[in-house]
C-alpha atoms as a PDB file:
ATOM      1  CA  MET A   1     -32.673  82.096   9.255  1.00  0.00           C
ATOM      2  CA  PRO A   2     -34.790  84.473  11.394  1.00  0.00           C
ATOM      3  CA  VAL A   3     -33.527  84.903  14.944  1.00  0.00           C
ATOM      4  CA  LEU A   4     -35.666  84.173  18.009  1.00  0.00           C
ATOM      5  CA  LEU A   5     -38.520  83.094  15.737  1.00  0.00           C
ATOM      6  CA  GLU A   6     -40.601  81.132  18.254  1.00  0.00           C
ATOM      7  CA  PRO A   7     -40.313  83.801  20.975  1.00  0.00           C
ATOM      8  CA  VAL A   8     -41.317  86.448  18.401  1.00  0.00           C
ATOM      9  CA  LEU A   9     -44.418  84.532  17.322  1.00  0.00           C
ATOM     10  CA  LYS A  10     -45.358  83.933  20.948  1.00  0.00           C
ATOM     11  CA  GLY A  11     -44.648  87.575  21.816  1.00  0.00           C
ATOM     12  CA  LEU A  12     -46.817  88.917  18.992  1.00  0.00           C
ATOM     13  CA  ARG A  13     -49.661  86.676  20.232  1.00  0.00           C
ATOM     14  CA  ILE A  14     -50.969  86.386  16.684  1.00  0.00           C
ATOM     15  CA  SER A  15     -54.690  86.607  16.066  1.00  0.00           C
ATOM     16  CA  LYS A  16     -55.864  84.817  12.909  1.00  0.00           C
ATOM     17  CA  ASP A  17     -57.636  87.915  11.611  1.00  0.00           C
ATOM     18  CA  GLY A  18     -55.186  90.450  12.993  1.00  0.00           C
ATOM     19  CA  THR A  19     -53.125  93.132  11.261  1.00  0.00           C
ATOM     20  CA  TYR A  20     -49.351  93.036  11.768  1.00  0.00           C
ATOM     21  CA  VAL A  21     -46.324  95.062  10.687  1.00  0.00           C
ATOM     22  CA  ASP A  22     -42.839  93.695  10.074  1.00  0.00           C
ATOM     23  CA  GLY A  23     -40.919  96.957  10.153  1.00  0.00           C
ATOM     24  CA  THR A  24     -37.630  95.373   9.062  1.00  0.00           C
ATOM     25  CA  PHE A  25     -38.436  92.800   6.375  1.00  0.00           C
ATOM     26  CA  GLY A  26     -34.860  91.689   5.576  1.00  0.00           C
ATOM     27  CA  ARG A  27     -35.145  88.409   3.704  1.00  0.00           C
ATOM     28  CA  GLY A  28     -38.643  87.685   4.947  1.00  0.00           C
ATOM     29  CA  GLY A  29     -38.019  84.934   7.487  1.00  0.00           C
ATOM     30  CA  HIS A  30     -40.152  86.438  10.217  1.00  0.00           C
ATOM     31  CA  SER A  31     -42.780  87.654   7.721  1.00  0.00           C
ATOM     32  CA  SER A  32     -43.175  84.164   6.244  1.00  0.00           C
ATOM     33  CA  ALA A  33     -43.798  82.677   9.691  1.00  0.00           C
ATOM     34  CA  ILE A  34     -46.257  85.407  10.650  1.00  0.00           C
ATOM     35  CA  LEU A  35     -48.230  84.838   7.432  1.00  0.00           C
ATOM     36  CA  GLN A  36     -48.384  81.117   8.110  1.00  0.00           C
ATOM     37  CA  ALA A  37     -49.941  81.868  11.495  1.00  0.00           C
ATOM     38  CA  LEU A  38     -52.558  84.237  10.039  1.00  0.00           C
ATOM     39  CA  GLY A  39     -55.954  83.207   8.736  1.00  0.00           C
ATOM     40  CA  LYS A  40     -57.736  84.370   5.588  1.00  0.00           C
ATOM     41  CA  GLY A  41     -58.770  87.629   7.231  1.00  0.00           C
ATOM     42  CA  GLY A  42     -55.296  88.463   8.473  1.00  0.00           C
ATOM     43  CA  ARG A  43     -53.000  91.113   7.065  1.00  0.00           C
ATOM     44  CA  LEU A  44     -49.244  91.675   7.130  1.00  0.00           C
ATOM     45  CA  ILE A  45     -47.480  94.850   6.006  1.00  0.00           C
ATOM     46  CA  ALA A  46     -43.687  94.658   5.727  1.00  0.00           C
ATOM     47  CA  ILE A  47     -41.269  97.570   5.352  1.00  0.00           C
ATOM     48  CA  ASP A  48     -37.634  97.702   4.273  1.00  0.00           C
ATOM     49  CA  ARG A  49     -35.459 100.490   2.886  1.00  0.00           C
ATOM     50  CA  ASP A  50     -32.994  98.138   1.183  1.00  0.00           C
ATOM     51  CA  PRO A  51     -33.885  97.682  -2.519  1.00  0.00           C
ATOM     52  CA  ALA A  52     -32.032  94.357  -2.508  1.00  0.00           C
ATOM     53  CA  ALA A  53     -34.382  93.087   0.203  1.00  0.00           C
ATOM     54  CA  ILE A  54     -37.400  94.190  -1.807  1.00  0.00           C
ATOM     55  CA  ALA A  55     -36.064  92.510  -4.965  1.00  0.00           C
ATOM     56  CA  ALA A  56     -35.298  89.275  -3.115  1.00  0.00           C
ATOM     57  CA  ALA A  57     -38.762  88.925  -1.548  1.00  0.00           C
ATOM     58  CA  PRO A  58     -40.001  85.360  -2.201  1.00  0.00           C
ATOM     59  CA  GLU A  59     -42.622  85.064  -4.904  1.00  0.00           C
ATOM     60  CA  ILE A  60     -44.859  83.064  -2.584  1.00  0.00           C
ATOM     61  CA  LEU A  61     -45.108  86.135  -0.355  1.00  0.00           C
ATOM     62  CA  ARG A  62     -45.657  88.569  -3.232  1.00  0.00           C
ATOM     63  CA  GLN A  63     -48.583  86.494  -4.485  1.00  0.00           C
ATOM     64  CA  ASP A  64     -50.251  86.339  -1.069  1.00  0.00           C
ATOM     65  CA  THR A  65     -53.140  88.820  -1.039  1.00  0.00           C
ATOM     66  CA  ARG A  66     -52.774  89.237   2.736  1.00  0.00           C
ATOM     67  CA  PHE A  67     -49.244  90.606   2.302  1.00  0.00           C
ATOM     68  CA  GLU A  68     -47.944  94.023   1.284  1.00  0.00           C
ATOM     69  CA  LEU A  69     -44.290  95.012   0.996  1.00  0.00           C
ATOM     70  CA  ILE A  70     -43.297  98.691   1.169  1.00  0.00           C
ATOM     71  CA  ARG A  71     -39.901 100.062   0.193  1.00  0.00           C
ATOM     72  CA  GLY A  72     -39.304 102.742   2.765  1.00  0.00           C
ATOM     73  CA  GLU A  73     -38.044 103.531   6.231  1.00  0.00           C
ATOM     74  CA  CYS A  74     -39.555 102.150   9.413  1.00  0.00           C
ATOM     75  CA  ALA A  75     -39.328 105.703  10.796  1.00  0.00           C
ATOM     76  CA  GLU A  76     -42.224 106.541   8.423  1.00  0.00           C
ATOM     77  CA  LEU A  77     -44.422 103.840   9.993  1.00  0.00           C
ATOM     78  CA  GLU A  78     -47.180 106.199  11.101  1.00  0.00           C
ATOM     79  CA  ASP A  79     -47.482 107.764   7.639  1.00  0.00           C
ATOM     80  CA  TYR A  80     -47.812 104.327   6.030  1.00  0.00           C
ATOM     81  CA  MET A  81     -50.503 103.322   8.511  1.00  0.00           C
ATOM     82  CA  ASP A  82     -52.368 106.633   8.072  1.00  0.00           C
ATOM     83  CA  GLU A  83     -52.398 106.100   4.297  1.00  0.00           C
ATOM     84  CA  ARG A  84     -54.068 102.718   4.874  1.00  0.00           C
ATOM     85  CA  ALA A  85     -56.420 103.923   7.636  1.00  0.00           C
ATOM     86  CA  LEU A  86     -54.701 101.585  10.072  1.00  0.00           C
ATOM     87  CA  ALA A  87     -53.394 103.992  12.725  1.00  0.00           C
ATOM     88  CA  GLY A  88     -54.498 102.688  16.112  1.00  0.00           C
ATOM     89  CA  LYS A  89     -55.690  99.409  14.554  1.00  0.00           C
ATOM     90  CA  VAL A  90     -52.506  97.321  14.356  1.00  0.00           C
ATOM     91  CA  ASP A  91     -52.317  94.141  16.452  1.00  0.00           C
ATOM     92  CA  GLY A  92     -48.557  93.753  16.456  1.00  0.00           C
ATOM     93  CA  ILE A  93     -45.288  95.324  15.314  1.00  0.00           C
ATOM     94  CA  LEU A  94     -41.974  93.520  14.898  1.00  0.00           C
ATOM     95  CA  LEU A  95     -38.633  95.319  14.607  1.00  0.00           C
ATOM     96  CA  ASP A  96     -35.536  93.205  13.931  1.00  0.00           C
ATOM     97  CA  LEU A  97     -32.836  95.848  14.171  1.00  0.00           C
ATOM     98  CA  GLY A  98     -29.364  96.227  12.708  1.00  0.00           C
ATOM     99  CA  VAL A  99     -27.713  94.862   9.596  1.00  0.00           C
ATOM    100  CA  SER A 100     -29.025  91.694   7.923  1.00  0.00           C
ATOM    101  CA  SER A 101     -26.957  88.616   7.114  1.00  0.00           C
ATOM    102  CA  PRO A 102     -27.143  89.182   3.321  1.00  0.00           C
ATOM    103  CA  GLN A 103     -25.924  92.752   3.787  1.00  0.00           C
ATOM    104  CA  LEU A 104     -22.935  91.445   5.742  1.00  0.00           C
ATOM    105  CA  ASP A 105     -22.261  88.624   3.317  1.00  0.00           C
ATOM    106  CA  GLU A 106     -22.340  90.710   0.119  1.00  0.00           C
ATOM    107  CA  ALA A 107     -18.961  92.449  -0.144  1.00  0.00           C
ATOM    108  CA  GLU A 108     -20.236  95.110  -2.550  1.00  0.00           C
ATOM    109  CA  ARG A 109     -22.544  96.530   0.139  1.00  0.00           C
ATOM    110  CA  GLY A 110     -19.504  97.632   2.162  1.00  0.00           C
ATOM    111  CA  PHE A 111     -20.686  96.469   5.594  1.00  0.00           C
ATOM    112  CA  SER A 112     -18.081  93.786   6.198  1.00  0.00           C
ATOM    113  CA  PHE A 113     -14.543  94.269   7.473  1.00  0.00           C
ATOM    114  CA  LEU A 114     -13.755  90.689   6.399  1.00  0.00           C
ATOM    115  CA  ARG A 115     -14.593  91.057   2.695  1.00  0.00           C
ATOM    116  CA  ASP A 116     -13.181  93.675   0.369  1.00  0.00           C
ATOM    117  CA  GLY A 117     -15.731  95.954  -1.220  1.00  0.00           C
ATOM    118  CA  PRO A 118     -16.595  99.608  -1.748  1.00  0.00           C
ATOM    119  CA  LEU A 119     -16.867 101.534   1.499  1.00  0.00           C
ATOM    120  CA  ASP A 120     -20.598 102.238   1.281  1.00  0.00           C
ATOM    121  CA  MET A 121     -22.626 100.823   4.241  1.00  0.00           C
ATOM    122  CA  ARG A 122     -25.906 102.459   3.192  1.00  0.00           C
ATOM    123  CA  MET A 123     -28.953 100.282   3.732  1.00  0.00           C
ATOM    124  CA  ASP A 124     -30.596 102.290   0.955  1.00  0.00           C
ATOM    125  CA  PRO A 125     -27.885 103.002  -1.648  1.00  0.00           C
ATOM    126  CA  ASP A 126     -30.139 105.610  -3.280  1.00  0.00           C
ATOM    127  CA  ARG A 127     -30.305 107.891  -0.224  1.00  0.00           C
ATOM    128  CA  GLY A 128     -27.801 109.717   1.931  1.00  0.00           C
ATOM    129  CA  ILE A 129     -24.015 109.629   1.664  1.00  0.00           C
ATOM    130  CA  SER A 130     -21.743 106.605   1.708  1.00  0.00           C
ATOM    131  CA  ALA A 131     -19.326 105.751   4.490  1.00  0.00           C
ATOM    132  CA  ALA A 132     -16.458 106.764   2.180  1.00  0.00           C
ATOM    133  CA  ALA A 133     -18.006 110.195   1.581  1.00  0.00           C
ATOM    134  CA  TRP A 134     -18.654 110.713   5.295  1.00  0.00           C
ATOM    135  CA  LEU A 135     -15.112 109.706   6.241  1.00  0.00           C
ATOM    136  CA  ALA A 136     -13.725 112.108   3.647  1.00  0.00           C
ATOM    137  CA  GLU A 137     -15.478 115.065   5.298  1.00  0.00           C
ATOM    138  CA  VAL A 138     -15.841 114.365   9.016  1.00  0.00           C
ATOM    139  CA  SER A 139     -13.564 116.210  11.442  1.00  0.00           C
ATOM    140  CA  GLU A 140     -11.255 114.235  13.699  1.00  0.00           C
ATOM    141  CA  SER A 141     -13.168 115.338  16.806  1.00  0.00           C
ATOM    142  CA  ASP A 142     -16.556 114.347  15.336  1.00  0.00           C
ATOM    143  CA  LEU A 143     -15.151 111.019  14.195  1.00  0.00           C
ATOM    144  CA  ARG A 144     -13.710 110.346  17.624  1.00  0.00           C
ATOM    145  CA  ARG A 145     -17.044 111.228  19.222  1.00  0.00           C
ATOM    146  CA  ALA A 146     -18.931 108.913  16.839  1.00  0.00           C
ATOM    147  CA  LEU A 147     -16.593 106.006  17.575  1.00  0.00           C
ATOM    148  CA  GLN A 148     -17.004 106.564  21.304  1.00  0.00           C
ATOM    149  CA  GLN A 149     -20.760 107.077  21.251  1.00  0.00           C
ATOM    150  CA  PHE A 150     -21.909 104.598  18.618  1.00  0.00           C
ATOM    151  CA  GLY A 151     -19.125 102.029  18.773  1.00  0.00           C
ATOM    152  CA  GLU A 152     -18.233 102.308  22.444  1.00  0.00           C
ATOM    153  CA  GLU A 153     -14.663 102.115  21.166  1.00  0.00           C
ATOM    154  CA  LYS A 154     -11.964 102.621  23.832  1.00  0.00           C
ATOM    155  CA  MET A 155      -9.323 103.361  21.205  1.00  0.00           C
ATOM    156  CA  ALA A 156     -11.469 106.019  19.505  1.00  0.00           C
ATOM    157  CA  SER A 157      -8.857 108.783  19.689  1.00  0.00           C
ATOM    158  CA  ARG A 158      -6.080 106.679  18.174  1.00  0.00           C
ATOM    159  CA  ILE A 159      -8.338 105.289  15.454  1.00  0.00           C
ATOM    160  CA  ALA A 160      -9.764 108.704  14.519  1.00  0.00           C
ATOM    161  CA  ARG A 161      -6.280 110.205  14.327  1.00  0.00           C
ATOM    162  CA  THR A 162      -5.056 107.336  12.131  1.00  0.00           C
ATOM    163  CA  ILE A 163      -8.016 107.617   9.747  1.00  0.00           C
ATOM    164  CA  VAL A 164      -7.665 111.386   9.345  1.00  0.00           C
ATOM    165  CA  ARG A 165      -3.926 111.128   8.653  1.00  0.00           C
ATOM    166  CA  ALA A 166      -4.458 108.302   6.155  1.00  0.00           C
ATOM    167  CA  ARG A 167      -7.111 110.145   4.150  1.00  0.00           C
ATOM    168  CA  GLU A 168      -4.666 113.021   3.670  1.00  0.00           C
ATOM    169  CA  ARG A 169      -2.451 110.618   1.725  1.00  0.00           C
ATOM    170  CA  ALA A 170      -5.192 108.843  -0.243  1.00  0.00           C
ATOM    171  CA  PRO A 171      -9.007 108.582  -0.203  1.00  0.00           C
ATOM    172  CA  LEU A 172     -10.502 105.763   1.868  1.00  0.00           C
ATOM    173  CA  THR A 173     -12.673 103.838  -0.569  1.00  0.00           C
ATOM    174  CA  ARG A 174     -12.452 100.111   0.345  1.00  0.00           C
ATOM    175  CA  THR A 175     -13.593  98.129   3.367  1.00  0.00           C
ATOM    176  CA  LEU A 176     -10.373  96.169   3.857  1.00  0.00           C
ATOM    177  CA  GLN A 177      -8.391  99.388   3.493  1.00  0.00           C
ATOM    178  CA  LEU A 178     -10.286 100.824   6.476  1.00  0.00           C
ATOM    179  CA  ALA A 179     -10.188  97.567   8.452  1.00  0.00           C
ATOM    180  CA  GLU A 180      -6.403  97.343   8.080  1.00  0.00           C
ATOM    181  CA  LEU A 181      -6.000 100.978   9.138  1.00  0.00           C
ATOM    182  CA  VAL A 182      -8.009 100.365  12.304  1.00  0.00           C
ATOM    183  CA  ALA A 183      -6.144  97.158  13.096  1.00  0.00           C
ATOM    184  CA  GLY A 184      -2.858  99.012  12.743  1.00  0.00           C
ATOM    185  CA  ALA A 185      -4.022 101.780  15.066  1.00  0.00           C
ATOM    186  CA  VAL A 186      -4.769  99.611  18.099  1.00  0.00           C
ATOM    187  CA  PRO A 187      -2.273  97.885  20.432  1.00  0.00           C
ATOM    188  CA  ALA A 188      -0.974  94.469  19.341  1.00  0.00           C
ATOM    189  CA  LYS A 189      -2.726  92.702  22.230  1.00  0.00           C
ATOM    190  CA  MET A 190      -6.087  93.949  20.912  1.00  0.00           C
ATOM    191  CA  ARG A 191      -5.321  92.611  17.429  1.00  0.00           C
ATOM    192  CA  ALA A 192      -4.847  89.177  18.971  1.00  0.00           C
ATOM    193  CA  GLN A 193      -8.336  89.111  20.506  1.00  0.00           C
ATOM    194  CA  ARG A 194     -11.143  87.013  19.097  1.00  0.00           C
ATOM    195  CA  LYS A 195     -13.205  90.012  18.001  1.00  0.00           C
ATOM    196  CA  HIS A 196     -11.810  91.830  14.969  1.00  0.00           C
ATOM    197  CA  PRO A 197     -10.362  95.219  16.037  1.00  0.00           C
ATOM    198  CA  ALA A 198     -12.464  97.026  13.388  1.00  0.00           C
ATOM    199  CA  THR A 199     -15.796  95.631  14.646  1.00  0.00           C
ATOM    200  CA  LYS A 200     -16.788  98.650  16.725  1.00  0.00           C
ATOM    201  CA  THR A 201     -15.493 101.178  14.202  1.00  0.00           C
ATOM    202  CA  PHE A 202     -17.560  99.652  11.400  1.00  0.00           C
ATOM    203  CA  GLN A 203     -20.596  99.526  13.684  1.00  0.00           C
ATOM    204  CA  ALA A 204     -20.239 103.192  14.602  1.00  0.00           C
ATOM    205  CA  ILE A 205     -19.825 104.369  11.000  1.00  0.00           C
ATOM    206  CA  ARG A 206     -22.753 102.250   9.841  1.00  0.00           C
ATOM    207  CA  ILE A 207     -24.996 103.677  12.572  1.00  0.00           C
ATOM    208  CA  VAL A 208     -24.083 107.240  11.571  1.00  0.00           C
ATOM    209  CA  VAL A 209     -24.470 106.680   7.814  1.00  0.00           C
ATOM    210  CA  ASN A 210     -27.914 105.111   8.235  1.00  0.00           C
ATOM    211  CA  ALA A 211     -29.113 107.274  11.156  1.00  0.00           C
ATOM    212  CA  GLU A 212     -30.068 104.005  12.812  1.00  0.00           C
ATOM    213  CA  LEU A 213     -30.665 105.281  16.332  1.00  0.00           C
ATOM    214  CA  GLU A 214     -32.760 108.226  15.116  1.00  0.00           C
ATOM    215  CA  GLN A 215     -34.803 105.775  13.033  1.00  0.00           C
ATOM    216  CA  LEU A 216     -35.287 103.555  16.075  1.00  0.00           C
ATOM    217  CA  GLN A 217     -36.394 106.412  18.323  1.00  0.00           C
ATOM    218  CA  ALA A 218     -38.888 107.579  15.709  1.00  0.00           C
ATOM    219  CA  VAL A 219     -40.499 104.189  15.070  1.00  0.00           C
ATOM    220  CA  LEU A 220     -40.772 103.417  18.794  1.00  0.00           C
ATOM    221  CA  GLU A 221     -42.643 106.671  19.447  1.00  0.00           C
ATOM    222  CA  GLN A 222     -44.901 106.082  16.449  1.00  0.00           C
ATOM    223  CA  SER A 223     -45.714 102.549  17.595  1.00  0.00           C
ATOM    224  CA  LEU A 224     -47.717 104.025  20.491  1.00  0.00           C
ATOM    225  CA  ARG A 225     -50.096 105.662  18.023  1.00  0.00           C
ATOM    226  CA  VAL A 226     -50.173 102.780  15.554  1.00  0.00           C
ATOM    227  CA  LEU A 227     -50.895  99.880  17.920  1.00  0.00           C
ATOM    228  CA  LYS A 228     -54.427  99.164  19.091  1.00  0.00           C
ATOM    229  CA  LYS A 229     -55.212  98.467  22.740  1.00  0.00           C
ATOM    230  CA  GLY A 230     -53.756  95.035  23.502  1.00  0.00           C
ATOM    231  CA  GLY A 231     -51.406  95.220  20.500  1.00  0.00           C
ATOM    232  CA  ARG A 232     -47.869  93.949  20.981  1.00  0.00           C
ATOM    233  CA  LEU A 233     -44.508  95.561  20.208  1.00  0.00           C
ATOM    234  CA  CYS A 234     -41.618  93.113  19.736  1.00  0.00           C
ATOM    235  CA  VAL A 235     -38.102  94.477  19.233  1.00  0.00           C
ATOM    236  CA  ILE A 236     -34.941  92.457  18.589  1.00  0.00           C
ATOM    237  CA  SER A 237     -31.677  94.324  19.148  1.00  0.00           C
ATOM    238  CA  PHE A 238     -28.112  93.190  18.577  1.00  0.00           C
ATOM    239  CA  HIS A 239     -25.969  95.646  20.502  1.00  0.00           C
ATOM    240  CA  SER A 240     -26.163  97.528  23.776  1.00  0.00           C
ATOM    241  CA  LEU A 241     -26.892 100.940  22.225  1.00  0.00           C
ATOM    242  CA  GLU A 242     -30.092  99.713  20.570  1.00  0.00           C
ATOM    243  CA  ASP A 243     -31.101  97.619  23.552  1.00  0.00           C
ATOM    244  CA  ARG A 244     -30.708 100.522  25.982  1.00  0.00           C
ATOM    245  CA  ILE A 245     -32.962 102.698  23.830  1.00  0.00           C
ATOM    246  CA  VAL A 246     -35.619  99.965  23.594  1.00  0.00           C
ATOM    247  CA  LYS A 247     -35.391  99.088  27.292  1.00  0.00           C
ATOM    248  CA  ARG A 248     -35.641 102.726  28.372  1.00  0.00           C
ATOM    249  CA  PHE A 249     -38.546 103.431  26.000  1.00  0.00           C
ATOM    250  CA  MET A 250     -40.566 100.441  27.200  1.00  0.00           C
ATOM    251  CA  ARG A 251     -39.741 101.109  30.856  1.00  0.00           C
ATOM    252  CA  ASP A 252     -40.605 104.817  30.697  1.00  0.00           C
ATOM    253  CA  HIS A 253     -43.937 104.201  28.995  1.00  0.00           C
ATOM    254  CA  SER A 254     -44.886 101.377  31.373  1.00  0.00           C
ATOM    255  CA  ARG A 255     -44.719 103.717  34.411  1.00  0.00           C
ATOM    256  CA  GLU A 256     -46.979 106.511  35.507  1.00  0.00           C
ATOM    257  CA  PRO A 257     -45.284 109.884  36.117  1.00  0.00           C
ATOM    258  CA  GLU A 258     -43.432 110.026  39.413  1.00  0.00           C
ATOM    259  CA  GLN A 259     -45.935 112.386  41.040  1.00  0.00           C
ATOM    260  CA  TYR A 260     -48.706 109.802  40.562  1.00  0.00           C
ATOM    261  CA  ARG A 261     -46.835 106.656  41.587  1.00  0.00           C
ATOM    262  CA  GLY A 262     -48.567 104.749  44.358  1.00  0.00           C
ATOM    263  CA  MET A 263     -51.760 106.811  44.086  1.00  0.00           C
ATOM    264  CA  PRO A 264     -55.057 104.859  43.948  1.00  0.00           C
ATOM    265  CA  VAL A 265     -56.467 106.991  41.134  1.00  0.00           C
ATOM    266  CA  ILE A 266     -54.414 108.249  38.187  1.00  0.00           C
ATOM    267  CA  PRO A 267     -55.923 110.611  35.601  1.00  0.00           C
ATOM    268  CA  PRO A 268     -56.371 108.842  32.234  1.00  0.00           C
ATOM    269  CA  GLU A 269     -53.904 111.114  30.450  1.00  0.00           C
ATOM    270  CA  PHE A 270     -51.151 110.069  32.875  1.00  0.00           C
ATOM    271  CA  GLN A 271     -51.772 106.333  32.873  1.00  0.00           C
ATOM    272  CA  PRO A 272     -48.978 104.156  31.377  1.00  0.00           C
ATOM    273  CA  LEU A 273     -49.286 103.465  27.654  1.00  0.00           C
ATOM    274  CA  LEU A 274     -47.426 100.148  27.791  1.00  0.00           C
ATOM    275  CA  THR A 275     -47.196  97.031  29.931  1.00  0.00           C
ATOM    276  CA  LEU A 276     -43.952  95.066  29.893  1.00  0.00           C
ATOM    277  CA  VAL A 277     -44.338  91.422  28.846  1.00  0.00           C
ATOM    278  CA  GLY A 278     -41.800  89.238  30.628  1.00  0.00           C
ATOM    279  CA  ARG A 279     -38.060  89.784  30.640  1.00  0.00           C
ATOM    280  CA  ALA A 280     -35.666  90.164  27.731  1.00  0.00           C
ATOM    281  CA  VAL A 281     -35.409  86.929  25.707  1.00  0.00           C
ATOM    282  CA  VAL A 282     -32.114  85.587  24.348  1.00  0.00           C
ATOM    283  CA  ALA A 283     -31.367  82.615  22.090  1.00  0.00           C
ATOM    284  CA  ASP A 284     -31.220  79.203  23.717  1.00  0.00           C
ATOM    285  CA  SER A 285     -28.433  76.682  23.155  1.00  0.00           C
ATOM    286  CA  ASP A 286     -30.298  74.940  20.327  1.00  0.00           C
ATOM    287  CA  GLU A 287     -30.670  78.159  18.332  1.00  0.00           C
ATOM    288  CA  LEU A 288     -27.082  79.194  19.023  1.00  0.00           C
ATOM    289  CA  GLU A 289     -25.908  75.899  17.596  1.00  0.00           C
ATOM    290  CA  LEU A 290     -27.919  76.430  14.412  1.00  0.00           C
ATOM    291  CA  ASN A 291     -27.298  80.165  13.978  1.00  0.00           C
ATOM    292  CA  ILE A 292     -24.249  81.758  15.613  1.00  0.00           C
ATOM    293  CA  ARG A 293     -25.455  85.235  14.602  1.00  0.00           C
ATOM    294  CA  SER A 294     -28.242  84.925  17.161  1.00  0.00           C
ATOM    295  CA  ARG A 295     -25.720  85.045  20.031  1.00  0.00           C
ATOM    296  CA  SER A 296     -26.117  88.793  20.599  1.00  0.00           C
ATOM    297  CA  ALA A 297     -29.859  88.995  19.858  1.00  0.00           C
ATOM    298  CA  ARG A 298     -32.147  90.267  22.622  1.00  0.00           C
ATOM    299  CA  LEU A 299     -35.933  90.426  22.308  1.00  0.00           C
ATOM    300  CA  ARG A 300     -38.058  92.801  24.375  1.00  0.00           C
ATOM    301  CA  ILE A 301     -41.865  92.785  24.327  1.00  0.00           C
ATOM    302  CA  ALA A 302     -44.473  95.297  25.489  1.00  0.00           C
ATOM    303  CA  GLU A 303     -48.248  95.540  25.170  1.00  0.00           C
ATOM    304  CA  ARG A 304     -50.229  98.686  24.389  1.00  0.00           C
ATOM    305  CA  ASN A 305     -52.673  99.655  27.164  1.00  0.00           C
END
């Protein structure tokens, strides 16, 4: 069930014959709706680095001549558009960030602290190192820093110390093994809270393993060169780290440099590249009732000048 679907379609302001990019295909919910809104002359290019997402793409999409699905990273967006002579010609880009529901639900992917599986967490299992391999090598100080920076975890020092001591006794290879370690490292009152005590630790490790914030920074910068004038950038984030990056990027590129603010004439090379479109959009009560995973979703929209 795609989150914030109606606001996304409205935000993209779909033209029947336009060209659009779904930079995070997932299970194709947003892509399917975008295709339905396109006419015969429209085009949709979707990207995902997860081979399971590529394999699960609905046949009805694969057979649609207006649709193309690329296995790759959204951080290579500009290269993909250059290969198709589409740089500067795209009408809209959608980024639905973070981990997908199927990735969370499939224990063997190693994303979930509620289901036992191998401690992997890679969105592309064929690239990079697994969470288990990273945890086996990372220093206590670097682990603590990652938990603080990417998980905003207040108990980062205690958790990092516990993990490093535990791996000296036996390798950390399973998700529940790690989740139980983290739960045991935090004060009892934190274990009694609604949110699982390993939530932030798993988030931080996943972000590191997949270089998620670096990927986000790269695709945002490339979007400026890929979108045509009037093209829309729609980004859905699920935690404050992502949202701050998106908010800052859109804000910074929607303002002229400080030395030109308030001046009647601004040289073309210093004019803002983006215009903000409305405020951040969150799920309404009807969507929250249907899909609880939309509760932390936040959509931001900007238009290329």
